[in-house]
């Protein structure tokens, strides 16, 4: 099918300019949301900004629709559709295409990728749907969206992470680099624990990678089996306070009447951060 071949060449192949017949004005209330929309997060401030532009200039790029049971189903252009509603429009320019479910998802995915609108989790979920729900191979998906197969494979691997980390990734509090570093830890409990240290300490990706390497060298943390005296409990509480204040692992060791405080760091950048917190910046 020509439209399927066009997907591999990009969204532009399916978007004729205004001078080409096919664009029609469609009532907003006749357009239903798409169950295949890969994007889940929409920033209200961005929508308001686009709505203001639409009030002045109108909707410049037409939406892509397909016919539904009671009107039309959106295929591509949800951000424009939401902004048009905010702007108070009654109709929007649209192109109606005859698309199967897989083609509708492909087209929505391609549009969002070209506009860089998807976060890493949304992108990975869209790839998963194309492979699991529609039976495409990773190579097929790579050809459809114009990316390397390794990119698709690496994105799908992110979905193995615990939900808490995926939420961080979707919200932008962790990057893909952080998430890939955490994948090197096999157990979800270890991934969550190291994630907490990364977020607390504000580690860069390189710092996170170093932390993961150290964790793997140590192996899973064993429970502390020391018999704790009252003094031990006091020291443990103090360690917790220092960990919270410095955002890194701290251990206090008793040696006679004295002892030592061990503060871990995972990169030169992390060391500078800790020194700054201690008021001893280099």
Protein backbone atom coordinates (compact mmCIF):
# COMPACT_ATOMS: atom_id res chain seq x y z
CA UNK A 1 0.00 0.00 0.00
CA UNK A 2 1.36 3.41 -0.96
CA UNK A 3 0.50 4.91 2.42
CA UNK A 4 2.41 2.16 4.23
CA UNK A 5 5.49 2.77 2.06
CA UNK A 6 5.19 6.48 2.75
CA UNK A 7 5.42 5.88 6.50
CA UNK A 8 8.98 4.69 6.11
CA UNK A 9 9.87 7.95 4.33
CA UNK A 10 8.40 10.18 7.04
CA UNK A 11 5.24 12.08 7.82
CA UNK A 12 5.73 14.62 5.08
CA UNK A 13 4.92 12.01 2.44
CA UNK A 14 1.35 11.87 3.77
CA UNK A 15 0.84 15.61 4.19
CA UNK A 16 -0.01 17.41 0.95
CA UNK A 17 0.26 21.19 0.96
CA UNK A 18 -2.81 23.42 0.92
CA UNK A 19 -2.71 23.58 -2.85
CA UNK A 20 -3.29 19.82 -3.15
CA UNK A 21 -6.93 18.63 -2.91
CA UNK A 22 -7.84 16.49 0.11
CA UNK A 23 -7.84 18.96 2.98
CA UNK A 24 -11.30 19.56 4.45
CA UNK A 25 -12.72 21.43 7.43
CA UNK A 26 -13.99 18.97 10.02
CA UNK A 27 -16.09 19.90 13.09
CA UNK A 28 -14.15 19.45 16.33
CA UNK A 29 -17.05 17.69 18.00
CA UNK A 30 -16.97 15.02 15.26
CA UNK A 31 -13.39 13.98 16.12
CA UNK A 32 -12.80 11.26 18.71
CA UNK A 33 -9.49 10.62 20.49
CA UNK A 34 -7.27 7.86 19.17
CA UNK A 35 -6.65 4.71 21.23
CA UNK A 36 -3.34 4.46 19.36
CA UNK A 37 -1.95 7.83 20.48
CA UNK A 38 1.57 7.11 21.79
CA UNK A 39 1.86 10.41 23.64
CA UNK A 40 0.43 10.53 27.18
CA UNK A 41 1.87 13.74 28.69
CA UNK A 42 0.81 17.18 27.46
CA UNK A 43 2.14 20.32 29.16
CA UNK A 44 -0.68 22.79 29.75
CA UNK A 45 1.61 25.81 29.27
CA UNK A 46 2.69 24.51 25.84
CA UNK A 47 -0.94 23.94 24.84
CA UNK A 48 -1.87 27.48 25.91
CA UNK A 49 1.01 28.90 23.86
CA UNK A 50 -0.05 26.92 20.79
CA UNK A 51 -3.68 27.95 21.33
CA UNK A 52 -2.64 31.62 21.31
CA UNK A 53 -0.80 31.05 18.03
CA UNK A 54 -3.83 29.27 16.55
CA UNK A 55 -6.08 32.21 17.46
CA UNK A 56 -3.78 34.45 15.41
CA UNK A 57 -2.74 32.18 12.54
CA UNK A 58 -5.18 29.27 12.56
CA UNK A 59 -4.14 25.61 12.36
CA UNK A 60 -1.36 25.59 9.77
CA UNK A 61 -0.70 21.83 9.55
CA UNK A 62 -3.80 19.70 8.95
CA UNK A 63 -4.70 16.87 11.28
CA UNK A 64 -4.75 13.30 9.99
CA UNK A 65 -8.04 11.47 10.61
CA UNK A 66 -9.68 8.19 9.71
CA UNK A 67 -13.36 7.47 9.64
CA UNK A 68 -14.85 6.04 12.82
CA UNK A 69 -18.23 4.67 13.79
CA UNK A 70 -19.69 8.07 14.62
CA UNK A 71 -17.59 10.57 12.72
CA UNK A 72 -13.80 10.60 12.71
CA UNK A 73 -10.95 9.20 14.79
CA UNK A 74 -7.78 11.20 15.27
CA UNK A 75 -4.64 9.61 13.85
CA UNK A 76 -2.05 12.39 14.14
CA UNK A 77 -2.17 15.90 15.56
CA UNK A 78 -3.56 15.53 19.09
CA UNK A 79 -1.59 18.51 20.41
CA UNK A 80 -3.04 20.69 17.65
CA UNK A 81 -6.52 19.28 18.33
CA UNK A 82 -6.33 20.09 22.06
CA UNK A 83 -4.97 23.56 21.38
CA UNK A 84 -7.68 24.24 18.78
CA UNK A 85 -10.31 23.41 21.39
CA UNK A 86 -8.62 25.76 23.85
CA UNK A 87 -8.59 28.44 21.16
CA UNK A 88 -12.35 28.09 20.73
CA UNK A 89 -12.31 26.84 17.12
CA UNK A 90 -15.33 24.98 15.77
CA UNK A 91 -13.57 23.25 12.87
CA UNK A 92 -10.02 22.24 11.97
CA UNK A 93 -8.35 21.44 8.64
CA UNK A 94 -7.85 17.71 8.24
CA UNK A 95 -6.91 14.97 5.80
CA UNK A 96 -8.99 11.78 6.02
CA UNK A 97 -7.11 8.56 5.30
CA UNK A 98 -8.15 4.93 5.08
CA UNK A 99 -5.76 3.38 7.62
CA UNK A 100 -5.67 0.08 9.50
CA UNK A 101 -4.90 0.06 13.24
CA UNK A 102 -1.19 -0.70 12.76
CA UNK A 103 -0.85 2.03 10.14
CA UNK A 104 -2.63 4.53 12.40
CA UNK A 105 -0.19 3.78 15.24
CA UNK A 106 2.79 3.97 12.89
CA UNK A 107 1.71 7.35 11.55
CA UNK A 108 1.07 8.77 15.04
CA UNK A 109 4.44 7.47 16.18
CA UNK A 110 6.29 8.92 13.20
CA UNK A 111 4.68 12.33 13.67
CA UNK A 112 5.57 12.48 17.36
CA UNK A 113 9.12 11.28 16.73
CA UNK A 114 9.68 13.87 14.03
CA UNK A 115 8.38 16.59 16.32
CA UNK A 116 10.37 15.14 19.28
CA UNK A 117 7.17 15.12 21.33
CA UNK A 118 7.50 11.69 22.98
CA UNK A 119 9.35 10.96 26.19
CA UNK A 120 11.48 7.81 26.35
CA UNK A 121 8.77 5.70 28.00
CA UNK A 122 6.06 6.73 25.53
CA UNK A 123 8.40 5.94 22.65
CA UNK A 124 9.28 2.52 24.09
CA UNK A 125 5.61 1.70 24.70
CA UNK A 126 4.77 2.58 21.10
CA UNK A 127 7.52 0.27 19.84
CA UNK A 128 6.24 -2.47 22.15
CA UNK A 129 2.73 -2.14 20.74
CA UNK A 130 4.01 -2.35 17.18
CA UNK A 131 5.95 -5.54 17.98
CA UNK A 132 3.50 -7.28 20.33
CA UNK A 133 0.07 -6.08 19.22
CA UNK A 134 0.73 -5.87 15.48
CA UNK A 135 3.40 -8.53 15.06
CA UNK A 136 6.12 -6.36 13.53
CA UNK A 137 9.73 -7.36 14.03
CA UNK A 138 12.20 -4.88 15.53
CA UNK A 139 13.72 -4.56 12.06
CA UNK A 140 10.29 -3.73 10.62
CA UNK A 141 9.73 -1.07 13.29
CA UNK A 142 13.18 0.41 12.65
CA UNK A 143 12.40 0.76 8.93
CA UNK A 144 8.98 2.30 9.63
CA UNK A 145 10.31 5.04 11.91
CA UNK A 146 13.68 5.58 10.21
CA UNK A 147 15.88 4.48 13.12
CA UNK A 148 18.52 1.82 13.69
CA UNK A 149 17.36 -1.55 14.99
CA UNK A 150 19.65 -1.11 18.03
CA UNK A 151 17.74 2.06 18.93
CA UNK A 152 14.46 0.11 18.97
CA UNK A 153 16.02 -2.72 20.99
CA UNK A 154 17.53 -0.35 23.57
CA UNK A 155 14.22 1.51 23.92
CA UNK A 156 12.32 -1.75 24.55
CA UNK A 157 14.84 -2.78 27.22
CA UNK A 158 13.84 0.27 29.26
CA UNK A 159 10.42 -1.28 29.85
CA UNK A 160 12.09 -3.95 32.03
CA UNK A 161 12.73 -1.34 34.72
CA UNK A 162 10.44 -0.98 37.76
CA UNK A 163 7.42 1.29 37.41
CA UNK A 164 8.90 3.85 39.82
CA UNK A 165 11.95 4.34 37.60
CA UNK A 166 9.81 4.52 34.45
CA UNK A 167 7.78 7.28 36.13
CA UNK A 168 11.02 9.19 36.81
CA UNK A 169 12.05 8.73 33.20
CA UNK A 170 8.69 9.95 31.86
CA UNK A 171 8.78 12.97 34.18
CA UNK A 172 12.36 13.85 33.22
CA UNK A 173 13.87 13.44 36.69
CA UNK A 174 16.03 10.65 35.25
CA UNK A 175 17.46 10.55 31.72
CA UNK A 176 17.74 7.60 29.37
CA UNK A 177 21.43 7.43 30.27
CA UNK A 178 20.57 7.01 33.95
CA UNK A 179 17.98 4.37 33.10
CA UNK A 180 20.39 2.39 30.90
CA UNK A 181 22.94 2.43 33.71
CA UNK A 182 20.35 0.99 36.12
CA UNK A 183 19.54 -1.81 33.67
CA UNK A 184 22.98 -3.25 34.40
CA UNK A 185 21.70 -4.20 37.88
CA UNK A 186 19.72 -7.41 37.65
CA UNK A 187 17.44 -7.05 40.67
CA UNK A 188 14.62 -4.53 40.90
CA UNK A 189 15.44 -3.91 44.57
CA UNK A 190 19.01 -2.95 43.67
CA UNK A 191 17.77 -0.74 40.83
CA UNK A 192 15.40 1.12 43.18
CA UNK A 193 18.05 1.54 45.89
CA UNK A 194 20.64 2.90 43.46
CA UNK A 195 17.97 5.07 41.80
CA UNK A 196 17.33 6.67 45.21
CA UNK A 197 21.04 7.46 45.60
CA UNK A 198 21.22 8.93 42.09
CA UNK A 199 18.23 11.22 42.69
CA UNK A 200 19.34 12.26 46.18
CA UNK A 201 22.86 13.07 45.04
CA UNK A 202 21.82 14.59 41.70
CA UNK A 203 24.38 12.39 39.93
CA UNK A 204 25.26 12.85 36.29
CA UNK A 205 25.02 9.85 33.96
CA UNK A 206 28.74 9.19 34.40
CA UNK A 207 28.33 9.37 38.16
CA UNK A 208 25.41 6.94 37.96
CA UNK A 209 27.45 4.52 35.84
CA UNK A 210 30.28 4.64 38.39
CA UNK A 211 27.81 4.02 41.23
CA UNK A 212 26.35 1.02 39.40
CA UNK A 213 29.85 -0.42 38.80
CA UNK A 214 30.64 -0.14 42.50
CA UNK A 215 27.34 -1.77 43.38
CA UNK A 216 28.04 -4.68 41.03
CA UNK A 217 31.55 -5.12 42.48
CA UNK A 218 30.12 -5.27 46.02
CA UNK A 219 27.23 -7.50 45.05
CA UNK A 220 23.78 -7.37 46.71
CA UNK A 221 23.93 -5.64 50.07
CA UNK A 222 23.69 -8.11 52.94
CA UNK A 223 21.75 -7.22 56.07
CA UNK A 224 23.81 -5.77 58.90
CA UNK A 225 24.19 -8.59 61.44
CA UNK A 226 26.25 -6.68 64.00
CA UNK A 227 24.94 -6.72 67.55
CA UNK A 228 24.06 -3.12 68.12
CA UNK A 229 24.68 -1.47 71.43
CA UNK A 230 23.06 1.80 72.39
CA UNK A 231 26.13 3.57 70.97
CA UNK A 232 25.76 1.62 67.68
CA UNK A 233 22.14 2.76 67.35
CA UNK A 234 23.19 6.37 67.92
CA UNK A 235 25.89 6.05 65.26
CA UNK A 236 23.39 4.47 62.84
CA UNK A 237 21.03 7.40 63.34
CA UNK A 238 23.89 9.83 62.75
CA UNK A 239 24.87 7.95 59.57
CA UNK A 240 21.30 8.33 58.32
CA UNK A 241 21.38 12.07 58.99
CA UNK A 242 24.68 12.45 57.14
CA UNK A 243 23.43 10.37 54.19
CA UNK A 244 20.37 12.59 53.94
CA UNK A 245 22.41 15.79 54.18
CA UNK A 246 25.14 14.76 51.72
CA UNK A 247 23.10 12.61 49.36
CA UNK A 248 25.56 9.73 49.42
CA UNK A 249 26.55 6.69 51.45
CA UNK A 250 28.24 7.49 54.78
CA UNK A 251 29.72 5.07 57.30
CA UNK A 252 31.02 5.87 60.79
CA UNK A 253 33.60 3.44 62.24
CA UNK A 254 34.57 3.35 65.91
CA UNK A 255 38.25 2.88 66.81
CA UNK A 256 38.80 3.02 70.55
CA UNK A 257 37.71 6.42 71.76
CA UNK A 258 37.87 7.83 68.25
CA UNK A 259 37.05 6.53 64.81
CA UNK A 260 36.61 7.52 61.15
CA UNK A 261 33.87 8.82 58.89
CA UNK A 262 33.80 7.34 55.37
CA UNK A 263 31.96 9.36 52.71
CA UNK A 264 31.55 7.75 49.28
CA UNK A 265 31.69 9.67 46.02
CA UNK A 266 31.39 8.40 42.46
CA UNK A 267 33.05 11.01 40.25
CA UNK A 268 35.03 14.24 40.49
CA UNK A 269 31.75 16.08 39.94
CA UNK A 270 30.18 14.20 42.85
CA UNK A 271 33.20 14.97 45.07
CA UNK A 272 32.90 18.68 44.29
CA UNK A 273 29.20 18.55 45.18
CA UNK A 274 29.94 16.91 48.55
CA UNK A 275 32.75 19.33 49.34
CA UNK A 276 30.44 22.22 48.56
CA UNK A 277 27.80 20.78 50.92
CA UNK A 278 30.48 20.59 53.63
CA UNK A 279 31.55 24.19 53.00
CA UNK A 280 34.94 23.05 51.72
CA UNK A 281 34.61 23.63 47.97
CA UNK A 282 37.86 23.33 46.02
